[in-house]
Amino acid sequence: MSTRAMVGIHNSDDTITYIYNHYDGYPTEVGLTLYQHYKTEKRVRELIAFGNTRRVEPVPFDMIGRLADTMETYRLGLMQRIGETAYKQLSDVYMEPLDGGAETVDNVTFFERLLDVGIDWLYMFDPTSTPASRWHVKSAGRAWIALPDAVRLYARSMAGKADRARLVERAAECGIEF
């Protein structure tokens, strides 16, 4: 089972350009990755230019630290970082990007309609918002909410104290305070 998400950016002409994320779409997973690693419009556009993905991770870099411009440089850089054996074990299952590139819809309303076709979470970066609230998240039947607030709400709903403590710690590492 997958928790699917769309990750988009609100463009100046009111369109939304987005990509598909297949796994771990929760605010406490992909949401925290977006909040921690994609703080600027430039970084978000780099992510979206990379295309659909199994799971959003920090922007893939090649072996000499530049943004990977092709799948081949991404694969080589990833293999060097985690080792060939680990790469072979994980890449076919989890770490390879999916086919397909970014798509653009006319406005936020069209973006929200993706929740009607099996997408669990929508993430939208608004470059005109203040830095702390540039990322917003929405799930079916709920209003858009700033990503830090969504993480806090999610943590409050967790039953296990140990799980909540781990989430609070991870959120703090990403710059979200409780």
N, C-alpha and C. Protein backbone atom coordinates (compact mmCIF):
# COMPACT_ATOMS: atom_id res chain seq x y z
N MET A 1 0.84 -1.17 0.00
CA MET A 1 0.00 0.00 0.00
C MET A 1 0.89 1.24 0.00
N SER A 2 0.50 2.24 -0.74
CA SER A 2 1.28 3.46 -0.86
C SER A 2 0.47 4.65 -0.38
N THR A 3 1.16 5.63 0.15
CA THR A 3 0.54 6.90 0.50
C THR A 3 1.02 7.90 -0.52
N ARG A 4 0.18 8.13 -1.52
CA ARG A 4 0.58 8.91 -2.67
C ARG A 4 0.36 10.41 -2.44
N ALA A 5 1.24 11.18 -3.07
CA ALA A 5 1.17 12.63 -2.94
C ALA A 5 1.56 13.30 -4.25
N MET A 6 1.11 14.50 -4.39
CA MET A 6 1.55 15.38 -5.47
C MET A 6 2.29 16.54 -4.83
N VAL A 7 3.40 16.91 -5.42
CA VAL A 7 4.23 17.99 -4.92
C VAL A 7 4.27 19.06 -5.99
N GLY A 8 3.77 20.25 -5.66
CA GLY A 8 3.67 21.29 -6.67
C GLY A 8 4.19 22.63 -6.22
N ILE A 9 4.32 23.52 -7.20
CA ILE A 9 4.72 24.90 -6.94
C ILE A 9 3.68 25.81 -7.58
N HIS A 10 3.29 26.84 -6.83
CA HIS A 10 2.32 27.83 -7.30
C HIS A 10 3.09 28.85 -8.13
N ASN A 11 2.81 28.86 -9.42
CA ASN A 11 3.51 29.76 -10.35
C ASN A 11 2.89 31.15 -10.33
N SER A 12 3.63 32.14 -10.82
CA SER A 12 3.17 33.53 -10.79
C SER A 12 1.91 33.76 -11.62
N ASP A 13 1.64 32.89 -12.60
CA ASP A 13 0.42 33.03 -13.42
C ASP A 13 -0.76 32.25 -12.85
N ASP A 14 -0.65 31.80 -11.60
CA ASP A 14 -1.67 31.05 -10.85
C ASP A 14 -1.76 29.58 -11.24
N THR A 15 -0.95 29.11 -12.19
CA THR A 15 -0.92 27.69 -12.50
C THR A 15 -0.13 26.97 -11.41
N ILE A 16 -0.29 25.65 -11.37
CA ILE A 16 0.46 24.81 -10.44
C ILE A 16 1.21 23.78 -11.27
N THR A 17 2.52 23.70 -11.10
CA THR A 17 3.32 22.68 -11.75
C THR A 17 3.68 21.66 -10.68
N TYR A 18 3.48 20.37 -10.99
CA TYR A 18 3.61 19.36 -9.94
C TYR A 18 4.19 18.05 -10.47
N ILE A 19 4.64 17.23 -9.52
CA ILE A 19 5.10 15.86 -9.80
C ILE A 19 4.38 14.91 -8.86
N TYR A 20 4.46 13.64 -9.20
CA TYR A 20 3.85 12.56 -8.42
C TYR A 20 4.89 11.94 -7.51
N ASN A 21 4.51 11.67 -6.26
CA ASN A 21 5.34 10.95 -5.28
C ASN A 21 4.56 9.71 -4.86
N HIS A 22 5.18 8.53 -4.97
CA HIS A 22 4.45 7.28 -4.75
C HIS A 22 4.38 6.83 -3.29
N TYR A 23 5.48 6.87 -2.57
CA TYR A 23 5.54 6.32 -1.20
C TYR A 23 5.63 7.42 -0.15
N ASP A 24 5.15 7.09 1.06
CA ASP A 24 5.38 7.90 2.26
C ASP A 24 4.95 9.36 2.11
N GLY A 25 3.77 9.59 1.54
CA GLY A 25 3.31 10.94 1.29
C GLY A 25 2.86 11.73 2.51
N TYR A 26 2.88 11.13 3.68
CA TYR A 26 2.44 11.80 4.91
C TYR A 26 3.25 13.07 5.19
N PRO A 27 2.64 14.04 5.90
CA PRO A 27 3.40 15.23 6.30
C PRO A 27 4.61 14.89 7.16
N THR A 28 4.54 13.79 7.90
CA THR A 28 5.64 13.41 8.78
C THR A 28 6.77 12.69 8.04
N GLU A 29 6.59 12.42 6.78
CA GLU A 29 7.63 11.78 5.97
C GLU A 29 8.05 12.73 4.85
N VAL A 30 7.37 12.64 3.71
CA VAL A 30 7.70 13.51 2.59
C VAL A 30 7.59 14.98 2.99
N GLY A 31 6.57 15.29 3.79
CA GLY A 31 6.40 16.68 4.22
C GLY A 31 7.63 17.23 4.93
N LEU A 32 8.18 16.46 5.86
CA LEU A 32 9.38 16.92 6.56
C LEU A 32 10.58 17.02 5.62
N THR A 33 10.67 16.12 4.67
CA THR A 33 11.77 16.20 3.69
C THR A 33 11.65 17.48 2.88
N LEU A 34 10.44 17.79 2.43
CA LEU A 34 10.24 19.02 1.67
C LEU A 34 10.59 20.24 2.51
N TYR A 35 10.12 20.26 3.75
CA TYR A 35 10.33 21.42 4.61
C TYR A 35 11.81 21.63 4.92
N GLN A 36 12.53 20.55 5.10
CA GLN A 36 13.94 20.65 5.46
C GLN A 36 14.85 20.94 4.26
N HIS A 37 14.57 20.33 3.12
CA HIS A 37 15.52 20.40 2.01
C HIS A 37 15.10 21.28 0.85
N TYR A 38 13.85 21.71 0.81
CA TYR A 38 13.35 22.49 -0.31
C TYR A 38 12.77 23.80 0.19
N LYS A 39 13.65 24.71 0.58
CA LYS A 39 13.24 25.96 1.21
C LYS A 39 13.16 27.13 0.25
N THR A 40 13.71 26.96 -0.95
CA THR A 40 13.71 28.06 -1.92
C THR A 40 13.01 27.64 -3.21
N GLU A 41 12.57 28.64 -3.94
CA GLU A 41 11.92 28.37 -5.21
C GLU A 41 12.86 27.61 -6.15
N LYS A 42 14.12 27.97 -6.14
CA LYS A 42 15.10 27.30 -7.01
C LYS A 42 15.19 25.80 -6.71
N ARG A 43 15.28 25.47 -5.43
CA ARG A 43 15.39 24.06 -5.03
C ARG A 43 14.11 23.28 -5.40
N VAL A 44 12.96 23.89 -5.20
CA VAL A 44 11.69 23.23 -5.53
C VAL A 44 11.60 23.01 -7.04
N ARG A 45 12.00 24.00 -7.81
CA ARG A 45 11.96 23.83 -9.27
C ARG A 45 12.93 22.75 -9.74
N GLU A 46 14.07 22.61 -9.08
CA GLU A 46 15.00 21.53 -9.41
C GLU A 46 14.36 20.17 -9.14
N LEU A 47 13.69 20.05 -8.01
CA LEU A 47 13.00 18.81 -7.67
C LEU A 47 11.94 18.48 -8.71
N ILE A 48 11.12 19.44 -9.05
CA ILE A 48 10.04 19.22 -10.00
C ILE A 48 10.60 18.89 -11.38
N ALA A 49 11.69 19.53 -11.76
CA ALA A 49 12.30 19.25 -13.06
C ALA A 49 12.80 17.81 -13.13
N PHE A 50 13.13 17.22 -12.00
CA PHE A 50 13.62 15.84 -11.97
C PHE A 50 12.50 14.84 -12.31
N GLY A 51 11.25 15.21 -12.09
CA GLY A 51 10.12 14.38 -12.49
C GLY A 51 9.55 13.53 -11.38
N ASN A 52 8.60 12.68 -11.75
CA ASN A 52 7.91 11.80 -10.80
C ASN A 52 8.90 10.92 -10.07
N THR A 53 8.55 10.56 -8.83
CA THR A 53 9.50 9.82 -8.00
C THR A 53 8.77 8.81 -7.11
N ARG A 54 9.49 7.80 -6.70
CA ARG A 54 8.92 6.86 -5.74
C ARG A 54 8.77 7.53 -4.38
N ARG A 55 9.80 8.31 -3.98
CA ARG A 55 9.74 9.06 -2.72
C ARG A 55 10.64 10.27 -2.84
N VAL A 56 10.11 11.42 -2.48
CA VAL A 56 10.92 12.64 -2.50
C VAL A 56 12.06 12.49 -1.51
N GLU A 57 13.24 12.75 -1.99
CA GLU A 57 14.45 12.76 -1.16
C GLU A 57 15.16 14.08 -1.42
N PRO A 58 16.22 14.38 -0.67
CA PRO A 58 17.00 15.57 -1.02
C PRO A 58 17.41 15.49 -2.49
N VAL A 59 17.50 16.64 -3.15
CA VAL A 59 17.82 16.66 -4.58
C VAL A 59 19.01 15.76 -4.85
N PRO A 60 18.88 14.83 -5.79
CA PRO A 60 19.99 13.92 -6.09
C PRO A 60 21.18 14.66 -6.68
N PHE A 61 22.34 14.33 -6.20
CA PHE A 61 23.56 14.95 -6.69
C PHE A 61 24.47 13.89 -7.29
N ASP A 62 25.27 14.32 -8.25
CA ASP A 62 26.22 13.38 -8.83
C ASP A 62 27.43 13.26 -7.93
N MET A 63 28.43 12.49 -8.37
CA MET A 63 29.54 12.17 -7.48
C MET A 63 30.44 13.35 -7.16
N ILE A 64 30.36 14.44 -7.90
CA ILE A 64 31.20 15.59 -7.55
C ILE A 64 30.36 16.74 -6.99
N GLY A 65 29.14 16.42 -6.58
CA GLY A 65 28.35 17.38 -5.83
C GLY A 65 27.50 18.32 -6.65
N ARG A 66 27.40 18.13 -7.94
CA ARG A 66 26.53 18.98 -8.75
C ARG A 66 25.17 18.31 -8.88
N LEU A 67 24.17 19.10 -9.17
CA LEU A 67 22.84 18.56 -9.39
C LEU A 67 22.89 17.57 -10.53
N ALA A 68 22.34 16.40 -10.32
CA ALA A 68 22.31 15.39 -11.37
C ALA A 68 21.46 15.88 -12.52
N ASP A 69 22.02 15.89 -13.71
CA ASP A 69 21.28 16.38 -14.87
C ASP A 69 20.67 15.26 -15.68
N THR A 70 21.06 14.05 -15.41
CA THR A 70 20.49 12.90 -16.10
C THR A 70 20.31 11.77 -15.10
N MET A 71 19.52 10.79 -15.48
CA MET A 71 19.36 9.62 -14.62
C MET A 71 20.69 8.90 -14.42
N GLU A 72 21.53 8.90 -15.42
CA GLU A 72 22.81 8.19 -15.28
C GLU A 72 23.70 8.83 -14.22
N THR A 73 23.80 10.17 -14.19
CA THR A 73 24.62 10.80 -13.15
C THR A 73 23.98 10.63 -11.78
N TYR A 74 22.64 10.60 -11.73
CA TYR A 74 21.96 10.34 -10.46
C TYR A 74 22.32 8.95 -9.95
N ARG A 75 22.22 7.95 -10.81
CA ARG A 75 22.52 6.57 -10.41
C ARG A 75 23.97 6.41 -9.96
N LEU A 76 24.88 7.01 -10.71
CA LEU A 76 26.30 6.91 -10.35
C LEU A 76 26.57 7.57 -8.99
N GLY A 77 26.01 8.76 -8.79
CA GLY A 77 26.21 9.45 -7.52
C GLY A 77 25.61 8.69 -6.35
N LEU A 78 24.42 8.15 -6.55
CA LEU A 78 23.76 7.38 -5.51
C LEU A 78 24.56 6.13 -5.17
N MET A 79 25.04 5.44 -6.19
CA MET A 79 25.81 4.22 -5.96
C MET A 79 27.08 4.54 -5.18
N GLN A 80 27.72 5.65 -5.50
CA GLN A 80 28.94 6.01 -4.80
C GLN A 80 28.64 6.35 -3.34
N ARG A 81 27.51 7.02 -3.07
CA ARG A 81 27.19 7.42 -1.70
C ARG A 81 26.82 6.25 -0.82
N ILE A 82 26.05 5.29 -1.33
CA ILE A 82 25.58 4.21 -0.45
C ILE A 82 26.26 2.88 -0.69
N GLY A 83 27.07 2.78 -1.72
CA GLY A 83 27.76 1.53 -2.02
C GLY A 83 27.00 0.70 -3.04
N GLU A 84 27.74 -0.02 -3.83
CA GLU A 84 27.14 -0.77 -4.94
C GLU A 84 26.16 -1.84 -4.47
N THR A 85 26.51 -2.58 -3.40
CA THR A 85 25.63 -3.65 -2.93
C THR A 85 24.29 -3.09 -2.45
N ALA A 86 24.35 -2.06 -1.62
CA ALA A 86 23.11 -1.45 -1.13
C ALA A 86 22.29 -0.87 -2.28
N TYR A 87 22.99 -0.26 -3.23
CA TYR A 87 22.28 0.32 -4.38
C TYR A 87 21.53 -0.75 -5.14
N LYS A 88 22.16 -1.87 -5.39
CA LYS A 88 21.51 -2.95 -6.15
C LYS A 88 20.30 -3.50 -5.39
N GLN A 89 20.40 -3.59 -4.07
CA GLN A 89 19.31 -4.12 -3.27
C GLN A 89 18.12 -3.17 -3.22
N LEU A 90 18.37 -1.89 -3.19
CA LEU A 90 17.30 -0.92 -2.98
C LEU A 90 16.77 -0.27 -4.24
N SER A 91 17.58 -0.13 -5.25
CA SER A 91 17.21 0.72 -6.37
C SER A 91 15.99 0.24 -7.13
N ASP A 92 15.87 -1.06 -7.35
CA ASP A 92 14.73 -1.54 -8.12
C ASP A 92 13.42 -1.40 -7.37
N VAL A 93 13.49 -1.38 -6.06
CA VAL A 93 12.28 -1.36 -5.26
C VAL A 93 11.86 0.06 -4.89
N TYR A 94 12.79 0.92 -4.54
CA TYR A 94 12.40 2.13 -3.83
C TYR A 94 13.00 3.42 -4.36
N MET A 95 14.24 3.38 -4.84
CA MET A 95 14.96 4.62 -5.04
C MET A 95 14.97 5.14 -6.47
N GLU A 96 14.47 4.41 -7.40
CA GLU A 96 14.46 4.86 -8.78
C GLU A 96 13.31 5.82 -9.03
N PRO A 97 13.55 6.86 -9.80
CA PRO A 97 12.44 7.73 -10.17
C PRO A 97 11.44 6.97 -11.04
N LEU A 98 10.24 7.46 -11.10
CA LEU A 98 9.21 6.87 -11.94
C LEU A 98 9.21 7.57 -13.29
N ASP A 99 8.64 6.92 -14.27
CA ASP A 99 8.50 7.56 -15.57
C ASP A 99 7.57 8.75 -15.45
N GLY A 100 7.81 9.72 -16.28
CA GLY A 100 6.92 10.88 -16.34
C GLY A 100 7.54 12.11 -15.73
N GLY A 101 7.18 13.22 -16.31
CA GLY A 101 7.69 14.49 -15.83
C GLY A 101 6.60 15.34 -15.21
N ALA A 102 6.97 16.55 -14.94
CA ALA A 102 6.05 17.49 -14.31
C ALA A 102 4.87 17.80 -15.23
N GLU A 103 3.75 18.07 -14.60
CA GLU A 103 2.56 18.51 -15.32
C GLU A 103 2.12 19.83 -14.71
N THR A 104 1.31 20.57 -15.47
CA THR A 104 0.83 21.86 -15.00
C THR A 104 -0.69 21.91 -15.15
N VAL A 105 -1.35 22.41 -14.10
CA VAL A 105 -2.80 22.63 -14.15
C VAL A 105 -3.07 24.12 -14.05
N ASP A 106 -4.28 24.51 -14.44
CA ASP A 106 -4.62 25.92 -14.58
C ASP A 106 -4.67 26.70 -13.27
N ASN A 107 -5.05 26.02 -12.18
CA ASN A 107 -5.18 26.74 -10.92
C ASN A 107 -5.26 25.76 -9.75
N VAL A 108 -5.37 26.30 -8.55
CA VAL A 108 -5.38 25.47 -7.34
C VAL A 108 -6.58 24.53 -7.34
N THR A 109 -7.72 24.97 -7.82
CA THR A 109 -8.91 24.12 -7.84
C THR A 109 -8.67 22.84 -8.63
N PHE A 110 -8.03 22.96 -9.78
CA PHE A 110 -7.72 21.77 -10.58
C PHE A 110 -6.72 20.88 -9.85
N PHE A 111 -5.75 21.49 -9.18
CA PHE A 111 -4.77 20.73 -8.40
C PHE A 111 -5.49 19.94 -7.31
N GLU A 112 -6.43 20.56 -6.62
CA GLU A 112 -7.18 19.91 -5.54
C GLU A 112 -8.00 18.72 -6.05
N ARG A 113 -8.42 18.75 -7.28
CA ARG A 113 -9.21 17.64 -7.83
C ARG A 113 -8.42 16.33 -7.89
N LEU A 114 -7.12 16.41 -7.79
CA LEU A 114 -6.31 15.19 -7.78
C LEU A 114 -6.62 14.33 -6.55
N LEU A 115 -7.14 14.95 -5.50
CA LEU A 115 -7.54 14.19 -4.31
C LEU A 115 -8.72 13.27 -4.60
N ASP A 116 -9.46 13.57 -5.65
CA ASP A 116 -10.62 12.75 -6.03
C ASP A 116 -10.25 11.51 -6.81
N VAL A 117 -9.00 11.39 -7.20
CA VAL A 117 -8.57 10.24 -8.03
C VAL A 117 -7.51 9.40 -7.33
N GLY A 118 -7.56 9.35 -6.00
CA GLY A 118 -6.69 8.44 -5.27
C GLY A 118 -5.40 9.02 -4.73
N ILE A 119 -5.21 10.31 -4.86
CA ILE A 119 -4.03 10.94 -4.27
C ILE A 119 -4.38 11.26 -2.82
N ASP A 120 -3.48 10.95 -1.90
CA ASP A 120 -3.75 11.13 -0.47
C ASP A 120 -3.40 12.52 0.06
N TRP A 121 -2.31 13.10 -0.45
CA TRP A 121 -1.83 14.38 0.06
C TRP A 121 -1.40 15.27 -1.10
N LEU A 122 -1.63 16.56 -0.96
CA LEU A 122 -1.12 17.57 -1.89
C LEU A 122 -0.18 18.48 -1.13
N TYR A 123 0.95 18.78 -1.73
CA TYR A 123 1.90 19.74 -1.17
C TYR A 123 2.08 20.85 -2.18
N MET A 124 2.01 22.08 -1.71
CA MET A 124 2.19 23.21 -2.61
C MET A 124 3.16 24.22 -1.99
N PHE A 125 4.15 24.57 -2.77
CA PHE A 125 5.12 25.59 -2.37
C PHE A 125 4.67 26.91 -2.96
N ASP A 126 4.56 27.91 -2.10
CA ASP A 126 4.17 29.25 -2.54
C ASP A 126 5.36 30.19 -2.33
N PRO A 127 6.05 30.55 -3.42
CA PRO A 127 7.25 31.38 -3.28
C PRO A 127 6.98 32.77 -2.73
N THR A 128 5.71 33.22 -2.73
CA THR A 128 5.40 34.55 -2.23
C THR A 128 5.11 34.58 -0.73
N SER A 129 4.99 33.42 -0.10
CA SER A 129 4.73 33.37 1.34
C SER A 129 6.01 33.60 2.13
N THR A 130 5.84 33.83 3.42
CA THR A 130 7.01 33.97 4.29
C THR A 130 7.75 32.64 4.36
N PRO A 131 9.05 32.63 4.58
CA PRO A 131 9.82 31.38 4.56
C PRO A 131 9.26 30.27 5.46
N ALA A 132 8.73 30.61 6.62
CA ALA A 132 8.25 29.58 7.54
C ALA A 132 6.95 28.92 7.06
N SER A 133 6.24 29.59 6.14
CA SER A 133 4.96 29.02 5.72
C SER A 133 4.86 28.86 4.20
N ARG A 134 5.96 28.64 3.54
CA ARG A 134 5.93 28.48 2.08
C ARG A 134 5.31 27.15 1.66
N TRP A 135 5.49 26.12 2.46
CA TRP A 135 4.91 24.82 2.14
C TRP A 135 3.54 24.69 2.80
N HIS A 136 2.55 24.29 1.99
CA HIS A 136 1.20 24.03 2.48
C HIS A 136 0.81 22.61 2.09
N VAL A 137 -0.08 22.03 2.87
CA VAL A 137 -0.48 20.64 2.63
C VAL A 137 -2.00 20.54 2.73
N LYS A 138 -2.54 19.60 1.97
CA LYS A 138 -4.00 19.38 1.98
C LYS A 138 -4.26 17.90 1.78
N SER A 139 -5.26 17.40 2.50
CA SER A 139 -5.77 16.04 2.26
C SER A 139 -7.27 16.17 2.01
N ALA A 140 -7.88 15.09 1.58
CA ALA A 140 -9.29 15.11 1.20
C ALA A 140 -10.15 15.60 2.36
N GLY A 141 -11.06 16.51 2.06
CA GLY A 141 -12.00 17.00 3.05
C GLY A 141 -11.44 18.01 4.03
N ARG A 142 -10.22 18.41 3.85
CA ARG A 142 -9.59 19.37 4.77
C ARG A 142 -9.11 20.60 4.01
N ALA A 143 -8.94 21.67 4.73
CA ALA A 143 -8.45 22.91 4.13
C ALA A 143 -6.93 22.87 4.01
N TRP A 144 -6.39 23.75 3.17
CA TRP A 144 -4.95 23.90 3.11
C TRP A 144 -4.44 24.37 4.46
N ILE A 145 -3.29 23.87 4.87
CA ILE A 145 -2.70 24.24 6.15
C ILE A 145 -1.18 24.33 5.96
N ALA A 146 -0.56 25.25 6.69
CA ALA A 146 0.90 25.36 6.63
C ALA A 146 1.50 24.03 7.10
N LEU A 147 2.52 23.58 6.41
CA LEU A 147 3.11 22.27 6.71
C LEU A 147 3.55 22.11 8.16
N PRO A 148 4.21 23.10 8.78
CA PRO A 148 4.57 22.92 10.20
C PRO A 148 3.35 22.66 11.08
N ASP A 149 2.24 23.33 10.79
CA ASP A 149 1.02 23.11 11.58
C ASP A 149 0.47 21.70 11.37
N ALA A 150 0.56 21.20 10.14
CA ALA A 150 0.10 19.84 9.85
C ALA A 150 0.93 18.81 10.62
N VAL A 151 2.23 19.03 10.69
CA VAL A 151 3.10 18.10 11.43
C VAL A 151 2.75 18.14 12.92
N ARG A 152 2.53 19.32 13.45
CA ARG A 152 2.16 19.44 14.87
C ARG A 152 0.83 18.73 15.16
N LEU A 153 -0.15 18.93 14.29
CA LEU A 153 -1.44 18.26 14.47
C LEU A 153 -1.29 16.74 14.40
N TYR A 154 -0.50 16.28 13.47
CA TYR A 154 -0.27 14.84 13.32
C TYR A 154 0.37 14.27 14.58
N ALA A 155 1.35 15.00 15.12
CA ALA A 155 2.03 14.54 16.34
C ALA A 155 1.06 14.47 17.51
N ARG A 156 0.18 15.44 17.63
CA ARG A 156 -0.78 15.45 18.74
C ARG A 156 -1.76 14.29 18.65
N SER A 157 -1.98 13.80 17.43
CA SER A 157 -2.94 12.70 17.26
C SER A 157 -2.31 11.33 17.50
N MET A 158 -0.99 11.27 17.66
CA MET A 158 -0.31 9.98 17.83
C MET A 158 -0.56 9.43 19.23
N ALA A 159 -0.88 8.15 19.29
CA ALA A 159 -1.19 7.52 20.56
C ALA A 159 0.08 7.18 21.36
N GLY A 160 1.10 6.69 20.68
CA GLY A 160 2.30 6.24 21.38
C GLY A 160 3.23 7.39 21.73
N LYS A 161 3.61 7.49 23.00
CA LYS A 161 4.51 8.55 23.44
C LYS A 161 5.88 8.45 22.79
N ALA A 162 6.37 7.24 22.61
CA ALA A 162 7.69 7.06 22.00
C ALA A 162 7.67 7.50 20.53
N ASP A 163 6.61 7.13 19.82
CA ASP A 163 6.49 7.55 18.42
C ASP A 163 6.37 9.06 18.31
N ARG A 164 5.60 9.63 19.19
CA ARG A 164 5.44 11.09 19.19
C ARG A 164 6.77 11.77 19.49
N ALA A 165 7.50 11.24 20.46
CA ALA A 165 8.80 11.84 20.82
C ALA A 165 9.77 11.78 19.64
N ARG A 166 9.78 10.66 18.90
CA ARG A 166 10.64 10.55 17.72
C ARG A 166 10.25 11.56 16.65
N LEU A 167 8.94 11.74 16.46
CA LEU A 167 8.47 12.70 15.47
C LEU A 167 8.85 14.12 15.89
N VAL A 168 8.66 14.47 17.14
CA VAL A 168 9.00 15.80 17.63
C VAL A 168 10.49 16.06 17.43
N GLU A 169 11.31 15.06 17.70
CA GLU A 169 12.76 15.19 17.50
C GLU A 169 13.10 15.39 16.03
N ARG A 170 12.50 14.59 15.17
CA ARG A 170 12.77 14.71 13.73
C ARG A 170 12.29 16.07 13.21
N ALA A 171 11.11 16.50 13.66
CA ALA A 171 10.59 17.79 13.23
C ALA A 171 11.52 18.92 13.67
N ALA A 172 12.05 18.83 14.88
CA ALA A 172 12.99 19.85 15.37
C ALA A 172 14.24 19.90 14.50
N GLU A 173 14.71 18.73 14.05
CA GLU A 173 15.87 18.69 13.15
C GLU A 173 15.58 19.40 11.84
N CYS A 174 14.31 19.43 11.45
CA CYS A 174 13.88 20.08 10.20
C CYS A 174 13.54 21.55 10.42
N GLY A 175 13.57 22.01 11.66
CA GLY A 175 13.28 23.41 11.95
C GLY A 175 11.86 23.68 12.39
N ILE A 176 11.12 22.64 12.76
CA ILE A 176 9.74 22.82 13.23
C ILE A 176 9.73 22.63 14.75
N GLU A 177 9.35 23.67 15.45
CA GLU A 177 9.31 23.62 16.91
C GLU A 177 7.89 23.35 17.39
N PHE A 178 7.79 22.71 18.55
CA PHE A 178 6.49 22.41 19.17
C PHE A 178 6.24 23.31 20.34
